[in-house]
C-alpha atoms as a PDB file:
ATOM      1  CA  MET A   1      -8.068  17.513 -17.337  1.00  0.00           C
ATOM      2  CA  THR A   2      -6.402  15.762 -14.026  1.00  0.00           C
ATOM      3  CA  HIS A   3      -9.376  14.984 -11.336  1.00  0.00           C
ATOM      4  CA  LEU A   4      -6.886  14.026  -8.454  1.00  0.00           C
ATOM      5  CA  ALA A   5      -7.624  12.070  -5.505  1.00  0.00           C
ATOM      6  CA  ILE A   6      -4.427  12.588  -2.717  1.00  0.00           C
ATOM      7  CA  VAL A   7      -4.450   9.633  -0.261  1.00  0.00           C
ATOM      8  CA  ASP A   8      -2.370   9.802   3.139  1.00  0.00           C
ATOM      9  CA  ASP A   9      -2.828   9.281   6.407  1.00  0.00           C
ATOM     10  CA  HIS A  10      -0.953  12.623   7.694  1.00  0.00           C
ATOM     11  CA  SER A  11      -3.140  15.794   7.428  1.00  0.00           C
ATOM     12  CA  ILE A  12       0.211  17.805   7.263  1.00  0.00           C
ATOM     13  CA  VAL A  13       1.066  16.196   3.850  1.00  0.00           C
ATOM     14  CA  LEU A  14      -2.545  16.175   2.451  1.00  0.00           C
ATOM     15  CA  GLN A  15      -2.827  20.313   3.387  1.00  0.00           C
ATOM     16  CA  GLY A  16       0.485  20.509   1.684  1.00  0.00           C
ATOM     17  CA  LEU A  17      -0.398  18.838  -1.365  1.00  0.00           C
ATOM     18  CA  GLU A  18      -3.754  20.727  -1.468  1.00  0.00           C
ATOM     19  CA  LEU A  19      -1.752  24.312  -1.108  1.00  0.00           C
ATOM     20  CA  MET A  20       0.576  23.291  -3.445  1.00  0.00           C
ATOM     21  CA  LEU A  21      -1.458  21.943  -6.176  1.00  0.00           C
ATOM     22  CA  ARG A  22      -4.753  24.008  -6.022  1.00  0.00           C
ATOM     23  CA  ASP A  23      -4.440  26.738  -8.521  1.00  0.00           C
ATOM     24  CA  ALA A  24      -2.504  24.362 -10.988  1.00  0.00           C
ATOM     25  CA  PRO A  25      -3.844  24.410 -14.482  1.00  0.00           C
ATOM     26  CA  ASP A  26      -5.919  21.808 -15.801  1.00  0.00           C
ATOM     27  CA  LEU A  27      -6.225  19.442 -12.354  1.00  0.00           C
ATOM     28  CA  THR A  28      -9.093  19.129  -9.857  1.00  0.00           C
ATOM     29  CA  LEU A  29      -8.469  18.196  -6.427  1.00  0.00           C
ATOM     30  CA  ALA A  30     -11.441  15.851  -6.508  1.00  0.00           C
ATOM     31  CA  GLY A  31     -10.744  14.907  -3.409  1.00  0.00           C
ATOM     32  CA  LEU A  32      -8.404  14.578  -0.066  1.00  0.00           C
ATOM     33  CA  TYR A  33      -8.206  10.938   1.858  1.00  0.00           C
ATOM     34  CA  GLN A  34      -6.878  10.034   5.082  1.00  0.00           C
ATOM     35  CA  ASN A  35      -7.103   6.080   4.583  1.00  0.00           C
ATOM     36  CA  GLY A  36      -8.102   3.698   1.533  1.00  0.00           C
ATOM     37  CA  ASP A  37     -11.582   3.501   2.751  1.00  0.00           C
ATOM     38  CA  GLN A  38     -12.502   6.844   2.070  1.00  0.00           C
ATOM     39  CA  LEU A  39     -11.001   6.974  -1.176  1.00  0.00           C
ATOM     40  CA  LEU A  40     -12.628   3.363  -2.158  1.00  0.00           C
ATOM     41  CA  SER A  41     -16.003   4.935  -0.835  1.00  0.00           C
ATOM     42  CA  ALA A  42     -15.400   7.677  -2.930  1.00  0.00           C
ATOM     43  CA  LEU A  43     -14.994   5.750  -6.296  1.00  0.00           C
ATOM     44  CA  GLN A  44     -18.178   4.040  -5.626  1.00  0.00           C
ATOM     45  CA  GLN A  45     -20.009   6.605  -4.890  1.00  0.00           C
ATOM     46  CA  GLY A  46     -19.032   8.150  -8.498  1.00  0.00           C
ATOM     47  CA  GLU A  47     -16.952  10.663  -7.792  1.00  0.00           C
ATOM     48  CA  THR A  48     -14.625  11.778 -10.734  1.00  0.00           C
ATOM     49  CA  ILE A  49     -11.383  11.024 -10.294  1.00  0.00           C
ATOM     50  CA  ASN A  50      -8.822   9.543 -12.867  1.00  0.00           C
ATOM     51  CA  THR A  51      -5.319  10.316 -11.245  1.00  0.00           C
ATOM     52  CA  ILE A  52      -4.465   9.428  -7.403  1.00  0.00           C
ATOM     53  CA  LEU A  53      -1.597  10.483  -5.320  1.00  0.00           C
ATOM     54  CA  MET A  54      -1.450   7.616  -2.822  1.00  0.00           C
ATOM     55  CA  ASP A  55       1.092   6.909   0.255  1.00  0.00           C
ATOM     56  CA  ILE A  56       2.523   3.918   0.415  1.00  0.00           C
ATOM     57  CA  HIS A  57       2.425   3.348   3.953  1.00  0.00           C
ATOM     58  CA  MET A  58      -1.058   3.676   5.731  1.00  0.00           C
ATOM     59  CA  PRO A  59      -3.075   1.710   8.452  1.00  0.00           C
ATOM     60  CA  SER A  60      -5.818  -0.468   7.704  1.00  0.00           C
ATOM     61  CA  ILE A  61      -4.941  -0.785   3.956  1.00  0.00           C
ATOM     62  CA  ASN A  62      -1.472  -0.109   2.479  1.00  0.00           C
ATOM     63  CA  GLY A  63      -0.847   0.860  -0.850  1.00  0.00           C
ATOM     64  CA  VAL A  64       0.438  -1.505  -2.564  1.00  0.00           C
ATOM     65  CA  GLU A  65      -2.959  -3.601  -1.054  1.00  0.00           C
ATOM     66  CA  LEU A  66      -5.131  -0.426  -2.595  1.00  0.00           C
ATOM     67  CA  CYS A  67      -2.943   0.119  -5.602  1.00  0.00           C
ATOM     68  CA  LYS A  68      -4.246  -3.043  -6.257  1.00  0.00           C
ATOM     69  CA  MET A  69      -7.621  -3.106  -5.564  1.00  0.00           C
ATOM     70  CA  VAL A  70      -7.985   0.508  -7.922  1.00  0.00           C
ATOM     71  CA  LYS A  71      -6.355  -1.329 -10.681  1.00  0.00           C
ATOM     72  CA  ARG A  72      -8.723  -3.944 -10.001  1.00  0.00           C
ATOM     73  CA  ASP A  73     -12.230  -2.381  -9.974  1.00  0.00           C
ATOM     74  CA  TYR A  74     -11.395   0.823 -11.856  1.00  0.00           C
ATOM     75  CA  PRO A  75      -8.603   0.435 -14.454  1.00  0.00           C
ATOM     76  CA  SER A  76      -8.483   3.727 -16.239  1.00  0.00           C
ATOM     77  CA  VAL A  77      -7.875   5.470 -13.093  1.00  0.00           C
ATOM     78  CA  ALA A  78      -3.592   5.873 -13.141  1.00  0.00           C
ATOM     79  CA  VAL A  79      -2.107   5.355  -9.699  1.00  0.00           C
ATOM     80  CA  ILE A  80       0.762   7.498  -8.700  1.00  0.00           C
ATOM     81  CA  GLY A  81       2.821   6.139  -5.562  1.00  0.00           C
ATOM     82  CA  LEU A  82       4.544   8.396  -2.571  1.00  0.00           C
ATOM     83  CA  SER A  83       6.365   7.904   0.366  1.00  0.00           C
ATOM     84  CA  MET A  84       9.283   8.749   2.057  1.00  0.00           C
ATOM     85  CA  VAL A  85      11.776   6.121   1.479  1.00  0.00           C
ATOM     86  CA  SER A  86      12.597   4.272  -1.707  1.00  0.00           C
ATOM     87  CA  GLU A  87      12.312   0.985  -1.160  1.00  0.00           C
ATOM     88  CA  MET A  88      12.777  -1.005  -4.566  1.00  0.00           C
ATOM     89  CA  SER A  89      10.450  -4.019  -3.388  1.00  0.00           C
ATOM     90  CA  LEU A  90       7.937  -1.386  -2.778  1.00  0.00           C
ATOM     91  CA  VAL A  91       8.158   0.100  -6.209  1.00  0.00           C
ATOM     92  CA  ARG A  92       8.316  -3.499  -7.979  1.00  0.00           C
ATOM     93  CA  LEU A  93       4.841  -4.530  -6.453  1.00  0.00           C
ATOM     94  CA  MET A  94       3.378  -0.941  -7.230  1.00  0.00           C
ATOM     95  CA  ILE A  95       4.513  -1.472 -10.563  1.00  0.00           C
ATOM     96  CA  LYS A  96       3.632  -5.274 -10.577  1.00  0.00           C
ATOM     97  CA  ASN A  97      -0.104  -3.627  -9.155  1.00  0.00           C
ATOM     98  CA  GLY A  98      -0.531  -1.127 -12.087  1.00  0.00           C
ATOM     99  CA  ALA A  99       1.247   1.490 -10.594  1.00  0.00           C
ATOM    100  CA  SER A 100       1.787   4.492 -13.272  1.00  0.00           C
ATOM    101  CA  GLY A 101       4.726   6.134 -11.008  1.00  0.00           C
ATOM    102  CA  TYR A 102       6.369   6.487  -7.667  1.00  0.00           C
ATOM    103  CA  LEU A 103       7.571  10.176  -6.069  1.00  0.00           C
ATOM    104  CA  HIS A 104       9.293  11.131  -3.275  1.00  0.00           C
ATOM    105  CA  LYS A 105       7.426  13.105  -0.518  1.00  0.00           C
ATOM    106  CA  ASN A 106       9.977  15.897  -1.100  1.00  0.00           C
ATOM    107  CA  ALA A 107       9.150  16.532  -4.577  1.00  0.00           C
ATOM    108  CA  GLY A 108       9.066  20.126  -5.672  1.00  0.00           C
ATOM    109  CA  LYS A 109       5.560  21.466  -7.357  1.00  0.00           C
ATOM    110  CA  ASP A 110       6.985  21.160 -10.672  1.00  0.00           C
ATOM    111  CA  GLU A 111       8.232  17.750 -10.643  1.00  0.00           C
ATOM    112  CA  VAL A 112       4.747  16.681  -8.836  1.00  0.00           C
ATOM    113  CA  LEU A 113       3.237  18.728 -12.339  1.00  0.00           C
ATOM    114  CA  LYS A 114       5.398  16.845 -14.504  1.00  0.00           C
ATOM    115  CA  ALA A 115       4.371  13.180 -12.910  1.00  0.00           C
ATOM    116  CA  LEU A 116       0.890  14.176 -13.096  1.00  0.00           C
ATOM    117  CA  GLU A 117       1.117  15.437 -17.101  1.00  0.00           C
ATOM    118  CA  LYS A 118       2.838  12.330 -18.065  1.00  0.00           C
ATOM    119  CA  VAL A 119       0.804  10.231 -16.497  1.00  0.00           C
ATOM    120  CA  ARG A 120      -2.096  11.955 -17.580  1.00  0.00           C
ATOM    121  CA  ARG A 121      -0.812  11.312 -21.496  1.00  0.00           C
ATOM    122  CA  GLY A 122      -0.443   7.204 -20.482  1.00  0.00           C
ATOM    123  CA  LYS A 123       2.981   7.359 -20.191  1.00  0.00           C
ATOM    124  CA  ARG A 124       5.027   6.568 -16.368  1.00  0.00           C
ATOM    125  CA  TYR A 125       6.987   8.809 -14.107  1.00  0.00           C
ATOM    126  CA  PHE A 126       9.687   8.193 -11.424  1.00  0.00           C
ATOM    127  CA  SER A 127      11.725  10.153  -9.456  1.00  0.00           C
ATOM    128  CA  GLU A 128      15.395  10.524 -10.706  1.00  0.00           C
ATOM    129  CA  GLU A 129      16.536   8.119  -7.760  1.00  0.00           C
ATOM    130  CA  ILE A 130      13.947   5.395  -8.060  1.00  0.00           C
ATOM    131  CA  ASN A 131      14.718   5.335 -12.009  1.00  0.00           C
ATOM    132  CA  ASP A 132      18.784   5.013 -11.743  1.00  0.00           C
ATOM    133  CA  MET A 133      17.794   2.692  -9.075  1.00  0.00           C
ATOM    134  CA  LEU A 134      15.900   0.375 -11.184  1.00  0.00           C
ATOM    135  CA  ILE A 135      18.339   0.694 -13.993  1.00  0.00           C
ATOM    136  CA  GLU A 136      20.832  -0.126 -12.210  1.00  0.00           C
ATOM    137  CA  GLY A 137      18.931  -3.027 -10.775  1.00  0.00           C
ATOM    138  CA  LYS A 138      18.561  -4.644 -14.060  1.00  0.00           C
ATOM    139  CA  SER A 139      22.479  -3.602 -15.862  1.00  0.00           C
ATOM    140  CA  ARG A 140      23.522  -5.934 -12.598  1.00  0.00           C
ATOM    141  CA  GLY A 141      20.785  -8.917 -13.153  1.00  0.00           C
ATOM    142  CA  GLU A 142      19.631  -7.857  -9.685  1.00  0.00           C
ATOM    143  CA  LYS A 143      22.088 -10.489  -8.466  1.00  0.00           C
ATOM    144  CA  THR A 144      23.329  -9.101  -5.403  1.00  0.00           C
ATOM    145  CA  VAL A 145      21.080 -10.228  -2.189  1.00  0.00           C
ATOM    146  CA  ARG A 146      21.355  -8.465   1.080  1.00  0.00           C
ATOM    147  CA  LYS A 147      22.588 -10.904   3.854  1.00  0.00           C
ATOM    148  CA  SER A 148      19.235 -11.561   5.889  1.00  0.00           C
ATOM    149  CA  PRO A 149      19.460 -10.254  10.053  1.00  0.00           C
ATOM    150  CA  PHE A 150      16.743 -12.632  10.809  1.00  0.00           C
ATOM    151  CA  PRO A 151      16.218 -15.612  12.254  1.00  0.00           C
ATOM    152  CA  ARG A 152      15.563 -18.331   9.978  1.00  0.00           C
ATOM    153  CA  LEU A 153      12.311 -19.730   9.467  1.00  0.00           C
ATOM    154  CA  SER A 154      11.204 -23.249   9.863  1.00  0.00           C
ATOM    155  CA  ARG A 155      10.254 -24.759   6.351  1.00  0.00           C
ATOM    156  CA  ARG A 156       6.342 -23.943   7.531  1.00  0.00           C
ATOM    157  CA  GLU A 157       6.919 -20.381   8.280  1.00  0.00           C
ATOM    158  CA  LYS A 158       8.586 -20.137   4.502  1.00  0.00           C
ATOM    159  CA  GLU A 159       5.426 -22.412   3.385  1.00  0.00           C
ATOM    160  CA  VAL A 160       2.957 -19.421   4.854  1.00  0.00           C
ATOM    161  CA  LEU A 161       5.188 -16.341   3.992  1.00  0.00           C
ATOM    162  CA  GLY A 162       5.694 -17.480   0.429  1.00  0.00           C
ATOM    163  CA  LEU A 163       1.378 -17.971   0.067  1.00  0.00           C
ATOM    164  CA  ILE A 164       0.966 -14.187   1.952  1.00  0.00           C
ATOM    165  CA  VAL A 165       3.400 -12.884  -0.563  1.00  0.00           C
ATOM    166  CA  ASP A 166       1.211 -14.407  -3.285  1.00  0.00           C
ATOM    167  CA  GLU A 167      -1.579 -12.753  -1.509  1.00  0.00           C
ATOM    168  CA  HIS A 168      -3.242 -15.750  -0.597  1.00  0.00           C
ATOM    169  CA  THR A 169      -6.226 -15.671   2.205  1.00  0.00           C
ATOM    170  CA  THR A 170      -5.684 -16.869   5.871  1.00  0.00           C
ATOM    171  CA  GLN A 171      -7.821 -19.288   5.125  1.00  0.00           C
ATOM    172  CA  GLU A 172      -6.837 -19.969   1.568  1.00  0.00           C
ATOM    173  CA  ILE A 173      -3.605 -20.943   3.516  1.00  0.00           C
ATOM    174  CA  ALA A 174      -4.850 -23.046   5.882  1.00  0.00           C
ATOM    175  CA  ASP A 175      -6.945 -24.906   2.836  1.00  0.00           C
ATOM    176  CA  LYS A 176      -3.188 -25.507   0.830  1.00  0.00           C
ATOM    177  CA  LEU A 177      -1.332 -26.293   3.679  1.00  0.00           C
ATOM    178  CA  PHE A 178      -4.198 -28.547   5.437  1.00  0.00           C
ATOM    179  CA  ILE A 179      -3.583 -27.068   8.692  1.00  0.00           C
ATOM    180  CA  SER A 180      -6.236 -25.208  10.603  1.00  0.00           C
ATOM    181  CA  PHE A 181      -6.691 -21.445  10.644  1.00  0.00           C
ATOM    182  CA  GLY A 182      -5.513 -20.646  13.904  1.00  0.00           C
ATOM    183  CA  THR A 183      -2.986 -22.968  12.731  1.00  0.00           C
ATOM    184  CA  VAL A 184      -1.877 -20.236  10.110  1.00  0.00           C
ATOM    185  CA  GLU A 185      -2.432 -17.049  12.464  1.00  0.00           C
ATOM    186  CA  THR A 186       0.027 -18.555  14.642  1.00  0.00           C
ATOM    187  CA  HIS A 187       2.545 -18.981  12.466  1.00  0.00           C
ATOM    188  CA  ARG A 188       1.996 -15.712  11.070  1.00  0.00           C
ATOM    189  CA  ARG A 189       1.987 -14.347  14.493  1.00  0.00           C
ATOM    190  CA  ASN A 190       5.236 -15.931  14.979  1.00  0.00           C
ATOM    191  CA  ILE A 191       6.466 -14.479  11.196  1.00  0.00           C
ATOM    192  CA  LEU A 192       5.998 -11.267  12.379  1.00  0.00           C
ATOM    193  CA  SER A 193       7.756 -11.652  15.362  1.00  0.00           C
ATOM    194  CA  LYS A 194      11.029 -13.081  13.744  1.00  0.00           C
ATOM    195  CA  LEU A 195      10.988 -10.607  10.930  1.00  0.00           C
ATOM    196  CA  GLY A 196      10.501  -7.366  13.306  1.00  0.00           C
ATOM    197  CA  ALA A 197       7.349  -6.355  10.528  1.00  0.00           C
ATOM    198  CA  ARG A 198       3.953  -5.071  11.382  1.00  0.00           C
ATOM    199  CA  ASN A 199       1.602  -5.853   8.888  1.00  0.00           C
ATOM    200  CA  THR A 200       1.349  -8.139   5.772  1.00  0.00           C
ATOM    201  CA  ALA A 201       2.876  -4.930   4.063  1.00  0.00           C
ATOM    202  CA  GLY A 202       6.201  -5.403   6.099  1.00  0.00           C
ATOM    203  CA  LEU A 203       6.260  -8.921   5.646  1.00  0.00           C
ATOM    204  CA  VAL A 204       6.543  -8.603   2.382  1.00  0.00           C
ATOM    205  CA  ARG A 205       8.847  -6.264   1.816  1.00  0.00           C
ATOM    206  CA  ILE A 206      11.131  -8.343   3.453  1.00  0.00           C
ATOM    207  CA  ALA A 207      10.772 -11.135   2.227  1.00  0.00           C
ATOM    208  CA  LEU A 208      11.211  -9.723  -1.152  1.00  0.00           C
ATOM    209  CA  GLU A 209      14.259  -7.251  -0.090  1.00  0.00           C
ATOM    210  CA  TYR A 210      15.880 -10.681   1.537  1.00  0.00           C
ATOM    211  CA  ARG A 211      15.400 -12.949  -0.704  1.00  0.00           C
ATOM    212  CA  LEU A 212      14.100 -15.149   2.166  1.00  0.00           C
ATOM    213  CA  LEU A 213      11.682 -17.428  -0.083  1.00  0.00           C
ATOM    214  CA  GLU A 214      14.910 -18.156  -2.674  1.00  0.00           C
ATOM    215  CA  ASP A 215      16.963 -20.187  -0.797  1.00  0.00           C
END
């Protein structure tokens, strides 16, 4: 039996998925949550959840970070990413952090149920487009690099960005680089501005997509 939690900051998405899945066989909707904090609270309180459909782009805790936290503390819970876009950097990060699948938000009921069934049996499921992109990337050795449209980062900014991508906190970055907490925050703000990103997830996505740390 699949005990499913759905996490998305858009009520219309939650309501649509609830309507789609509420009568599905061998599936119980364990909860609908509008952010990662609500989901984590439910898990901590012992809510019976063994599978999560999780939006990638959410405020407070983004899907990549939330997936990592869930798999760290509740490794038996399966996570399927949910997004309107096929950003391979995010797909890879989700896989790296333990996700069992990735679906487009425009997936139909049959595909969603197929994904949930495969994940329930311990397998992985990725939409056909994502599978094709993963296979294509492997076949060409991921050697194609997109030309960066962004201003060049300074050496220090690249060091800070690299540590952000490696999931270090601001204080950890300050300690590693022997600079102050405030200086790290200044570098972070400058990097956000240069890359046009809104948050850490955006920085990570852009850094990976344009391979800003490889030159």
